[in-house]
Amino acid sequence: MRYIFTVLALLTFVQPASAQMKVRLNWSAIAAGQSGIWIAHDEGLFKKNGLDVELLHIPSSSLIIQTILAGEVAISYVDGRNTIQSNLTGSDMVLIAGVTNRFPFTFMARPEFKRVSDLRGKRIGVTRIGSSTHTVTLYVLNQAGLKPGDYEIVPLGEVPNILIALAAGRIDAGPLSSPTTIRGRKAGLVDLATPAKDGPEYVSIAVGATRAYIRANPEIVRRFMRAYAEAVHLFKSNKPIALKALQKYTRVTDLEILEETHKEYRELIESVPYTSRRGIETILAELATGDAKARQAKPDDFVDMRFVAELERDGFFKKLGTK
């Protein structure tokens, strides 16, 4: 009798192999770079890989990192620079995948401005302080010789709000990402800088988590990565699925804009989602001017690429037909 009760007790705690593992994920911006998680969710790839996903939308990397560190979100899109800064100050934030290893932004302005240096004393829109839009703004303005104090930063919440503020004359310039970039050009805005094309390798958008979460939940992270990688492949190889996700989450209905956005991000999003070592070195070089820890740090201090490496070693990307 005691044996029967022991077996029954054990069975109570054993989960079936097919059980869905719960995880809370976040996407951070109304931009095509977020398509991997969108498609994995909407096309059932998370469920296919045994994940029961609660999908959130919390904008801005600085806020997201706080949320992850508080244990309220497991995995999210993050800004590379802010994640590295968080790690340098003692958090265990780490990058587990690279999404775009170049800035996926165009720095745009109202048509009376011809050069970035013309923006001295002007108002620059970003989503939030500590966001990817803030990071690229600092980069572009610094490259033009402008320093903090030479301009005013105006937080506006979401990338489309930057376009709205530009059209209303509330700000003078700001970074836009597609599809908002394409809408901006149609509205008469001008490109002042195109760091997506002309900038350095730079870990702009990545996927992040904490080392503590990864240690406690390696199978969830492994399943996430399989679903994410397949979703990126679908984004690049299945145009109808890609356009459906872009239309749903960006709320853009203009087919021409959606198709141009898809074309642009097919090149920008990493198919085999490693973070760029050189891109991390670029960030560390920026931070090193004011941070001794950054001067001593190495790219490997900020990444955990084991799950991407496992997929590559197992031939997962070759099976998908990823180039």
Protein backbone atom coordinates (compact mmCIF):
# COMPACT_ATOMS: atom_id res chain seq x y z
CA MET A 1 0.00 0.00 0.00
CA ARG A 2 2.81 2.42 0.91
CA TYR A 3 4.43 1.66 -2.48
CA ILE A 4 1.19 2.50 -4.33
CA PHE A 5 0.87 5.82 -2.52
CA THR A 6 4.52 6.63 -3.30
CA VAL A 7 4.00 5.97 -7.02
CA LEU A 8 0.83 8.05 -7.08
CA ALA A 9 2.62 10.90 -5.33
CA LEU A 10 5.43 10.84 -7.88
CA LEU A 11 2.99 10.79 -10.77
CA THR A 12 1.33 13.88 -9.36
CA PHE A 13 4.56 15.84 -9.89
CA VAL A 14 5.64 14.36 -13.22
CA GLN A 15 4.68 16.52 -16.19
CA PRO A 16 3.90 14.80 -19.49
CA ALA A 17 6.53 15.25 -22.19
CA SER A 18 4.06 17.27 -24.25
CA ALA A 19 3.26 19.74 -21.45
CA GLN A 20 3.49 23.39 -22.42
CA MET A 21 6.05 25.37 -20.45
CA LYS A 22 4.81 28.80 -19.43
CA VAL A 23 6.92 31.84 -20.28
CA ARG A 24 6.31 35.57 -20.44
CA LEU A 25 7.88 37.29 -23.47
CA ASN A 26 8.00 40.92 -24.53
CA TRP A 27 8.27 42.87 -27.77
CA SER A 28 9.50 46.41 -27.41
CA ALA A 29 8.85 48.57 -30.47
CA ILE A 30 6.46 49.12 -33.35
CA ALA A 31 9.13 48.21 -35.87
CA ALA A 32 9.79 45.34 -38.26
CA GLY A 33 12.80 44.16 -36.27
CA GLN A 34 10.33 42.66 -33.78
CA SER A 35 8.86 40.30 -36.40
CA GLY A 36 10.51 37.13 -35.09
CA ILE A 37 8.50 37.05 -31.88
CA TRP A 38 5.34 38.29 -33.62
CA ILE A 39 5.43 35.47 -36.17
CA ALA A 40 6.47 32.79 -33.68
CA HIS A 41 3.45 33.72 -31.58
CA ASP A 42 0.86 34.15 -34.33
CA GLU A 43 1.91 31.18 -36.46
CA GLY A 44 1.92 28.75 -33.53
CA LEU A 45 5.68 28.16 -33.45
CA PHE A 46 5.94 28.71 -29.72
CA LYS A 47 3.17 26.15 -29.14
CA LYS A 48 4.82 23.78 -31.62
CA ASN A 49 7.94 23.95 -29.45
CA GLY A 50 6.06 23.37 -26.21
CA LEU A 51 5.78 26.93 -24.92
CA ASP A 52 2.69 28.52 -23.43
CA VAL A 53 3.50 32.17 -24.09
CA GLU A 54 2.09 35.29 -22.52
CA LEU A 55 3.08 38.03 -24.93
CA LEU A 56 3.52 41.57 -23.60
CA HIS A 57 4.39 44.90 -25.17
CA ILE A 58 6.58 47.08 -22.94
CA PRO A 59 8.41 49.75 -24.95
CA SER A 60 11.94 51.02 -24.25
CA SER A 61 14.94 48.92 -23.28
CA SER A 62 15.62 50.77 -20.04
CA LEU A 63 12.13 49.94 -18.77
CA ILE A 64 12.28 46.40 -20.15
CA ILE A 65 15.58 45.65 -18.40
CA GLN A 66 14.10 46.79 -15.09
CA THR A 67 11.12 44.51 -15.72
CA ILE A 68 13.33 41.53 -16.56
CA LEU A 69 15.50 42.09 -13.47
CA ALA A 70 12.33 42.22 -11.37
CA GLY A 71 11.39 38.76 -12.70
CA GLU A 72 8.22 39.98 -14.41
CA VAL A 73 9.39 39.11 -17.95
CA ALA A 74 11.65 36.22 -18.92
CA ILE A 75 12.89 37.12 -22.40
CA SER A 76 12.59 40.30 -24.45
CA TYR A 77 13.96 42.31 -27.28
CA VAL A 78 16.52 44.72 -25.82
CA ASP A 79 18.92 47.45 -26.87
CA GLY A 80 22.49 46.12 -26.94
CA ARG A 81 24.14 49.19 -25.44
CA ASN A 82 21.76 49.48 -22.52
CA THR A 83 22.00 45.77 -21.77
CA ILE A 84 25.79 45.99 -21.70
CA GLN A 85 25.62 49.05 -19.44
CA SER A 86 23.29 47.20 -17.09
CA ASN A 87 25.71 44.29 -16.96
CA LEU A 88 28.63 46.62 -16.23
CA THR A 89 26.77 48.05 -13.25
CA GLY A 90 26.33 44.61 -11.71
CA SER A 91 23.19 43.03 -13.19
CA ASP A 92 23.30 39.57 -14.74
CA MET A 93 21.62 40.66 -17.97
CA VAL A 94 22.97 38.83 -20.98
CA LEU A 95 22.30 38.76 -24.73
CA ILE A 96 21.10 35.38 -26.02
CA ALA A 97 20.52 36.30 -29.69
CA GLY A 98 21.37 39.05 -32.12
CA VAL A 99 18.52 40.54 -34.14
CA THR A 100 20.08 43.46 -36.00
CA ASN A 101 23.84 43.96 -35.81
CA ARG A 102 23.56 47.39 -37.40
CA PHE A 103 21.35 50.33 -36.46
CA PRO A 104 17.94 49.72 -38.11
CA PHE A 105 17.19 53.44 -38.16
CA THR A 106 17.26 56.43 -40.45
CA PHE A 107 17.79 59.78 -38.76
CA MET A 108 15.17 62.08 -40.31
CA ALA A 109 14.32 65.76 -40.08
CA ARG A 110 11.96 68.39 -41.37
CA PRO A 111 12.99 69.53 -44.88
CA GLU A 112 14.59 72.83 -43.84
CA PHE A 113 17.47 70.91 -42.23
CA LYS A 114 20.25 69.74 -44.55
CA ARG A 115 22.90 68.36 -42.17
CA VAL A 116 22.93 66.80 -38.71
CA SER A 117 25.11 69.69 -37.52
CA ASP A 118 22.20 72.05 -38.31
CA LEU A 119 20.39 70.57 -35.29
CA ARG A 120 22.36 72.52 -32.70
CA GLY A 121 19.83 74.02 -30.27
CA LYS A 122 16.99 71.97 -31.75
CA ARG A 123 14.53 69.41 -30.34
CA ILE A 124 15.20 65.73 -31.09
CA GLY A 125 12.52 63.08 -30.59
CA VAL A 126 13.23 59.58 -29.21
CA THR A 127 10.93 56.94 -27.77
CA ARG A 128 12.43 56.95 -24.26
CA ILE A 129 15.72 57.73 -22.59
CA GLY A 130 17.74 54.51 -22.64
CA SER A 131 15.94 53.12 -25.69
CA SER A 132 17.45 52.01 -29.01
CA THR A 133 16.23 55.28 -30.54
CA HIS A 134 18.11 57.19 -27.84
CA THR A 135 21.26 55.14 -28.45
CA VAL A 136 21.27 55.79 -32.19
CA THR A 137 20.49 59.49 -31.63
CA LEU A 138 23.51 59.89 -29.38
CA TYR A 139 25.65 58.10 -31.96
CA VAL A 140 24.48 60.22 -34.91
CA LEU A 141 24.72 63.54 -33.08
CA ASN A 142 28.13 62.70 -31.64
CA GLN A 143 29.41 61.80 -35.10
CA ALA A 144 28.35 65.27 -36.25
CA GLY A 145 30.25 66.93 -33.41
CA LEU A 146 27.21 67.70 -31.24
CA LYS A 147 27.40 66.93 -27.54
CA PRO A 148 24.71 66.61 -24.84
CA GLY A 149 23.63 70.14 -24.06
CA ASP A 150 23.77 71.18 -27.72
CA TYR A 151 20.23 69.90 -28.25
CA GLU A 152 17.08 68.89 -26.37
CA ILE A 153 15.92 65.27 -26.20
CA VAL A 154 12.13 64.80 -26.21
CA PRO A 155 10.79 61.34 -25.16
CA LEU A 156 7.66 60.41 -27.13
CA GLY A 157 6.88 56.80 -26.23
CA GLU A 158 6.76 54.98 -29.60
CA VAL A 159 8.47 55.36 -32.98
CA PRO A 160 5.25 56.41 -34.82
CA ASN A 161 4.87 59.23 -32.27
CA ILE A 162 8.20 60.66 -33.46
CA LEU A 163 6.74 60.95 -36.96
CA ILE A 164 3.56 62.58 -35.62
CA ALA A 165 5.61 65.10 -33.63
CA LEU A 166 7.79 65.89 -36.65
CA ALA A 167 4.73 66.48 -38.82
CA ALA A 168 3.25 68.78 -36.15
CA GLY A 169 6.47 70.78 -35.78
CA ARG A 170 6.89 69.81 -32.10
CA ILE A 171 10.36 68.43 -32.78
CA ASP A 172 12.92 69.01 -35.52
CA ALA A 173 14.43 65.56 -36.08
CA GLY A 174 14.49 62.00 -34.80
CA PRO A 175 15.34 58.38 -35.66
CA LEU A 176 12.70 56.37 -37.50
CA SER A 177 12.60 52.69 -38.37
CA SER A 178 10.49 51.06 -41.06
CA PRO A 179 7.63 51.13 -41.74
CA THR A 180 7.63 54.58 -40.09
CA THR A 181 10.72 55.61 -42.09
CA ILE A 182 8.91 55.06 -45.37
CA ARG A 183 5.85 56.94 -44.13
CA GLY A 184 8.17 59.80 -43.14
CA ARG A 185 9.62 60.08 -46.63
CA LYS A 186 6.13 60.12 -48.10
CA ALA A 187 5.33 62.98 -45.70
CA GLY A 188 8.26 65.03 -47.01
CA LEU A 189 10.87 64.41 -44.30
CA VAL A 190 14.52 64.17 -45.31
CA ASP A 191 17.21 61.65 -44.43
CA LEU A 192 20.06 63.31 -42.54
CA ALA A 193 21.92 60.12 -41.65
CA THR A 194 21.46 56.47 -42.55
CA PRO A 195 23.41 54.49 -39.93
CA ALA A 196 21.72 51.28 -41.08
CA LYS A 197 23.79 51.61 -44.28
CA ASP A 198 26.68 53.87 -43.32
CA GLY A 199 27.17 53.12 -39.64
CA PRO A 200 29.44 50.54 -38.01
CA GLU A 201 28.61 47.04 -36.86
CA TYR A 202 26.65 47.70 -33.68
CA VAL A 203 24.46 45.40 -31.62
CA SER A 204 21.36 47.53 -31.87
CA ILE A 205 18.47 45.09 -31.34
CA ALA A 206 19.08 41.83 -29.52
CA VAL A 207 17.22 39.34 -27.35
CA GLY A 208 18.04 39.39 -23.66
CA ALA A 209 17.43 37.53 -20.42
CA THR A 210 19.21 37.11 -17.10
CA ARG A 211 21.82 34.45 -16.48
CA ALA A 212 19.82 33.40 -13.41
CA TYR A 213 16.73 32.73 -15.54
CA ILE A 214 18.78 30.79 -18.08
CA ARG A 215 20.33 28.61 -15.37
CA ALA A 216 16.91 27.84 -13.92
CA ASN A 217 15.10 27.39 -17.26
CA PRO A 218 17.52 26.27 -20.00
CA GLU A 219 14.86 24.19 -21.76
CA ILE A 220 12.51 27.17 -22.06
CA VAL A 221 15.30 29.25 -23.58
CA ARG A 222 16.19 26.39 -25.93
CA ARG A 223 12.58 26.06 -27.10
CA PHE A 224 12.25 29.82 -27.48
CA MET A 225 15.31 29.94 -29.69
CA ARG A 226 14.05 27.18 -31.98
CA ALA A 227 10.72 28.95 -32.42
CA TYR A 228 12.34 32.34 -32.91
CA ALA A 229 14.81 31.06 -35.51
CA GLU A 230 12.04 29.36 -37.50
CA ALA A 231 9.95 32.54 -37.33
CA VAL A 232 12.80 34.61 -38.75
CA HIS A 233 13.11 32.09 -41.57
CA LEU A 234 9.37 32.45 -42.25
CA PHE A 235 9.68 36.24 -42.24
CA LYS A 236 12.34 36.02 -44.93
CA SER A 237 10.91 33.18 -47.02
CA ASN A 238 7.13 33.57 -46.73
CA LYS A 239 6.12 37.06 -47.77
CA PRO A 240 2.36 36.71 -47.05
CA ILE A 241 3.07 35.66 -43.44
CA ALA A 242 5.58 38.48 -43.03
CA LEU A 243 3.19 41.11 -44.41
CA LYS A 244 0.34 39.83 -42.25
CA ALA A 245 2.44 40.22 -39.08
CA LEU A 246 3.73 43.64 -40.12
CA GLN A 247 0.22 44.90 -40.84
CA LYS A 248 -1.18 43.57 -37.56
CA TYR A 249 1.47 44.93 -35.22
CA THR A 250 2.45 48.17 -36.98
CA ARG A 251 -1.16 48.93 -37.99
CA VAL A 252 0.04 50.06 -41.41
CA THR A 253 -2.29 49.04 -44.24
CA ASP A 254 -0.45 50.58 -47.22
CA LEU A 255 0.81 47.53 -49.15
CA GLU A 256 3.64 49.45 -50.80
CA ILE A 257 5.01 50.52 -47.40
CA LEU A 258 4.67 47.01 -46.00
CA GLU A 259 6.47 45.44 -48.95
CA GLU A 260 9.31 47.97 -48.79
CA THR A 261 9.63 47.36 -45.05
CA HIS A 262 9.79 43.61 -45.61
CA LYS A 263 12.46 44.02 -48.28
CA GLU A 264 14.58 46.21 -45.99
CA TYR A 265 14.38 43.95 -42.95
CA ARG A 266 15.02 40.74 -44.88
CA GLU A 267 18.56 42.10 -45.10
CA LEU A 268 18.80 43.61 -41.62
CA ILE A 269 17.55 40.74 -39.42
CA GLU A 270 20.14 38.04 -38.73
CA SER A 271 19.13 34.62 -40.07
CA VAL A 272 21.57 32.83 -37.77
CA PRO A 273 21.08 35.10 -34.78
CA TYR A 274 24.50 35.56 -33.29
CA THR A 275 25.40 38.93 -31.83
CA SER A 276 28.27 40.60 -33.65
CA ARG A 277 31.51 40.49 -31.67
CA ARG A 278 32.70 43.57 -33.50
CA GLY A 279 29.36 45.23 -32.76
CA ILE A 280 29.88 44.69 -29.03
CA GLU A 281 33.44 46.00 -29.31
CA THR A 282 32.04 49.19 -30.88
CA ILE A 283 29.73 49.67 -27.89
CA LEU A 284 32.50 48.98 -25.38
CA ALA A 285 34.75 51.52 -27.12
CA GLU A 286 32.01 54.14 -26.73
CA LEU A 287 31.48 53.34 -23.06
CA ALA A 288 35.21 53.08 -22.29
CA THR A 289 35.69 56.85 -22.38
CA GLY A 290 33.83 57.16 -19.09
CA ASP A 291 33.80 53.64 -17.63
CA ALA A 292 36.91 51.78 -16.49
CA LYS A 293 34.98 48.49 -16.40
CA ALA A 294 34.14 48.85 -20.09
CA ARG A 295 37.83 49.29 -20.89
CA GLN A 296 38.60 45.94 -19.23
CA ALA A 297 35.57 44.04 -20.55
CA LYS A 298 35.45 41.49 -23.37
CA PRO A 299 32.51 40.78 -25.72
CA ASP A 300 32.07 37.29 -24.26
CA ASP A 301 31.21 38.87 -20.89
CA PHE A 302 27.84 39.98 -22.27
CA VAL A 303 26.57 37.08 -24.35
CA ASP A 304 25.34 33.52 -23.98
CA MET A 305 25.20 32.18 -27.52
CA ARG A 306 25.04 28.49 -26.57
CA PHE A 307 21.45 28.04 -27.77
CA VAL A 308 22.13 29.54 -31.20
CA ALA A 309 25.31 27.46 -31.40
CA GLU A 310 23.35 24.30 -30.55
CA LEU A 311 20.93 24.94 -33.40
CA GLU A 312 23.78 25.53 -35.81
CA ARG A 313 25.65 22.43 -34.63
CA ASP A 314 22.50 20.30 -35.00
CA GLY A 315 21.99 21.47 -38.59
CA PHE A 316 18.76 23.33 -37.74
CA PHE A 317 19.48 26.31 -40.00
CA LYS A 318 20.53 24.11 -42.90
CA LYS A 319 17.28 22.15 -42.60
CA LEU A 320 15.34 25.41 -42.80
CA GLY A 321 17.32 26.38 -45.89
CA THR A 322 18.82 29.42 -44.20
CA LYS A 323 21.66 30.99 -46.15
